[in-house]
Amino acid sequence: DADMQFGLARALMSGSRPQALRALGCDVVDGVGNFLLVDARRPAAVVAARLADAGILVSTALRLPFPNEYFRVSIGPAPVMRPFLTAMEGLTG
């Protein structure tokens, strides 16, 4: 069911995925929603464009109350998130 799928995806992302992104040098804001805010320590528009080249879409249209380079990535099941992490490794590694 959809609630269980969301719960599993959330558990996966709140477990090792934020730490994996942090290990790549990213700042990660992990809330209780179905997304993460990620700062890859480079312009968000550049990161979003490179991710788009890999077929991964993220949002940079964030209205946060402070200057930032965060982008928003929706959380999905592990098979969907693995390509994102692989692409991020290529961007930051």
C-alpha atoms as a PDB file:
ATOM      1  CA  ASP A   1       0.000   0.000   0.000  1.00  0.00           C
ATOM      2  CA  ALA A   2       1.109   3.594  -0.600  1.00  0.00           C
ATOM      3  CA  ASP A   3       1.555   4.443   3.092  1.00  0.00           C
ATOM      4  CA  MET A   4       3.804   1.459   3.620  1.00  0.00           C
ATOM      5  CA  GLN A   5       5.810   2.293   0.480  1.00  0.00           C
ATOM      6  CA  PHE A   6       6.262   5.885   1.698  1.00  0.00           C
ATOM      7  CA  GLY A   7       7.279   4.624   5.143  1.00  0.00           C
ATOM      8  CA  LEU A   8       9.870   2.279   3.667  1.00  0.00           C
ATOM      9  CA  ALA A   9      11.239   4.980   1.381  1.00  0.00           C
ATOM     10  CA  ARG A  10      11.407   7.434   4.278  1.00  0.00           C
ATOM     11  CA  ALA A  11      13.247   4.888   6.432  1.00  0.00           C
ATOM     12  CA  LEU A  12      15.724   4.229   3.646  1.00  0.00           C
ATOM     13  CA  MET A  13      16.389   7.909   3.044  1.00  0.00           C
ATOM     14  CA  SER A  14      16.530   8.879   6.690  1.00  0.00           C
ATOM     15  CA  GLY A  15      18.941   6.046   7.308  1.00  0.00           C
ATOM     16  CA  SER A  16      21.993   5.816   5.108  1.00  0.00           C
ATOM     17  CA  ARG A  17      21.130   8.187   2.231  1.00  0.00           C
ATOM     18  CA  PRO A  18      21.580  11.501   4.085  1.00  0.00           C
ATOM     19  CA  GLN A  19      24.819  10.157   5.567  1.00  0.00           C
ATOM     20  CA  ALA A  20      25.949   9.104   2.089  1.00  0.00           C
ATOM     21  CA  LEU A  21      25.261  12.629   0.818  1.00  0.00           C
ATOM     22  CA  ARG A  22      27.013  14.149   3.843  1.00  0.00           C
ATOM     23  CA  ALA A  23      30.021  11.900   3.180  1.00  0.00           C
ATOM     24  CA  LEU A  24      30.159  13.484  -0.285  1.00  0.00           C
ATOM     25  CA  GLY A  25      30.439  16.906   1.372  1.00  0.00           C
ATOM     26  CA  CYS A  26      26.786  17.891   1.003  1.00  0.00           C
ATOM     27  CA  ASP A  27      24.715  19.593   3.648  1.00  0.00           C
ATOM     28  CA  VAL A  28      21.387  17.772   4.024  1.00  0.00           C
ATOM     29  CA  VAL A  29      18.238  19.010   5.744  1.00  0.00           C
ATOM     30  CA  ASP A  30      16.118  15.973   6.515  1.00  0.00           C
ATOM     31  CA  GLY A  31      12.619  16.853   7.696  1.00  0.00           C
ATOM     32  CA  VAL A  32       9.492  14.796   8.062  1.00  0.00           C
ATOM     33  CA  GLY A  33       8.218  15.314   4.522  1.00  0.00           C
ATOM     34  CA  ASN A  34       8.776  13.288   1.388  1.00  0.00           C
ATOM     35  CA  PHE A  35      11.873  15.211   0.350  1.00  0.00           C
ATOM     36  CA  LEU A  36      15.355  16.288   1.367  1.00  0.00           C
ATOM     37  CA  LEU A  37      16.999  19.670   0.936  1.00  0.00           C
ATOM     38  CA  VAL A  38      20.553  19.244  -0.310  1.00  0.00           C
ATOM     39  CA  ASP A  39      23.379  21.756  -0.683  1.00  0.00           C
ATOM     40  CA  ALA A  40      26.165  20.216  -2.785  1.00  0.00           C
ATOM     41  CA  ARG A  41      28.492  23.172  -2.070  1.00  0.00           C
ATOM     42  CA  ARG A  42      28.161  24.464  -5.630  1.00  0.00           C
ATOM     43  CA  PRO A  43      25.473  26.493  -7.387  1.00  0.00           C
ATOM     44  CA  ALA A  44      22.165  24.638  -7.212  1.00  0.00           C
ATOM     45  CA  ALA A  45      21.354  25.503 -10.830  1.00  0.00           C
ATOM     46  CA  VAL A  46      24.605  23.878 -11.995  1.00  0.00           C
ATOM     47  CA  VAL A  47      23.940  20.743  -9.928  1.00  0.00           C
ATOM     48  CA  ALA A  48      20.346  20.574 -11.187  1.00  0.00           C
ATOM     49  CA  ALA A  49      21.504  20.883 -14.811  1.00  0.00           C
ATOM     50  CA  ARG A  50      24.077  18.104 -14.402  1.00  0.00           C
ATOM     51  CA  LEU A  51      21.543  15.876 -12.662  1.00  0.00           C
ATOM     52  CA  ALA A  52      19.056  16.581 -15.474  1.00  0.00           C
ATOM     53  CA  ASP A  53      21.695  15.413 -17.964  1.00  0.00           C
ATOM     54  CA  ALA A  54      21.618  12.107 -16.036  1.00  0.00           C
ATOM     55  CA  GLY A  55      17.808  12.002 -16.235  1.00  0.00           C
ATOM     56  CA  ILE A  56      17.264  13.114 -12.630  1.00  0.00           C
ATOM     57  CA  LEU A  57      15.033  16.099 -11.943  1.00  0.00           C
ATOM     58  CA  VAL A  58      15.306  18.170  -8.779  1.00  0.00           C
ATOM     59  CA  SER A  59      13.801  21.496  -7.818  1.00  0.00           C
ATOM     60  CA  THR A  60      15.787  24.684  -7.304  1.00  0.00           C
ATOM     61  CA  ALA A  61      12.689  26.894  -6.983  1.00  0.00           C
ATOM     62  CA  LEU A  62      12.930  27.098  -3.210  1.00  0.00           C
ATOM     63  CA  ARG A  63      11.702  30.043  -1.211  1.00  0.00           C
ATOM     64  CA  LEU A  64      13.795  29.815   1.933  1.00  0.00           C
ATOM     65  CA  PRO A  65      14.256  32.703   4.354  1.00  0.00           C
ATOM     66  CA  PHE A  66      18.038  32.790   3.898  1.00  0.00           C
ATOM     67  CA  PRO A  67      20.565  32.827   1.037  1.00  0.00           C
ATOM     68  CA  ASN A  68      21.271  29.291  -0.069  1.00  0.00           C
ATOM     69  CA  GLU A  69      22.229  26.842  -2.789  1.00  0.00           C
ATOM     70  CA  TYR A  70      19.870  24.069  -1.682  1.00  0.00           C
ATOM     71  CA  PHE A  71      17.879  21.963  -4.086  1.00  0.00           C
ATOM     72  CA  ARG A  72      14.953  19.722  -3.266  1.00  0.00           C
ATOM     73  CA  VAL A  73      14.968  16.027  -4.075  1.00  0.00           C
ATOM     74  CA  SER A  74      11.878  13.904  -3.581  1.00  0.00           C
ATOM     75  CA  ILE A  75      12.285  10.634  -1.740  1.00  0.00           C
ATOM     76  CA  GLY A  76      11.467   7.407  -3.503  1.00  0.00           C
ATOM     77  CA  PRO A  77      12.101   3.701  -3.136  1.00  0.00           C
ATOM     78  CA  ALA A  78      15.738   2.603  -2.955  1.00  0.00           C
ATOM     79  CA  PRO A  79      15.893   1.471  -6.625  1.00  0.00           C
ATOM     80  CA  VAL A  80      14.798   4.970  -7.656  1.00  0.00           C
ATOM     81  CA  MET A  81      17.207   6.726  -5.292  1.00  0.00           C
ATOM     82  CA  ARG A  82      20.323   4.734  -6.229  1.00  0.00           C
ATOM     83  CA  PRO A  83      20.824   6.541  -9.565  1.00  0.00           C
ATOM     84  CA  PHE A  84      20.526   9.875  -7.732  1.00  0.00           C
ATOM     85  CA  LEU A  85      23.256   8.877  -5.286  1.00  0.00           C
ATOM     86  CA  THR A  86      25.428   7.598  -8.128  1.00  0.00           C
ATOM     87  CA  ALA A  87      24.995  10.885 -10.009  1.00  0.00           C
ATOM     88  CA  MET A  88      25.803  12.855  -6.863  1.00  0.00           C
ATOM     89  CA  GLU A  89      28.983  10.831  -6.424  1.00  0.00           C
ATOM     90  CA  GLY A  90      29.958  11.826  -9.945  1.00  0.00           C
ATOM     91  CA  LEU A  91      29.291  15.505  -9.188  1.00  0.00           C
ATOM     92  CA  THR A  92      31.081  15.716  -5.878  1.00  0.00           C
ATOM     93  CA  GLY A  93      33.651  12.918  -5.974  1.00  0.00           C
END
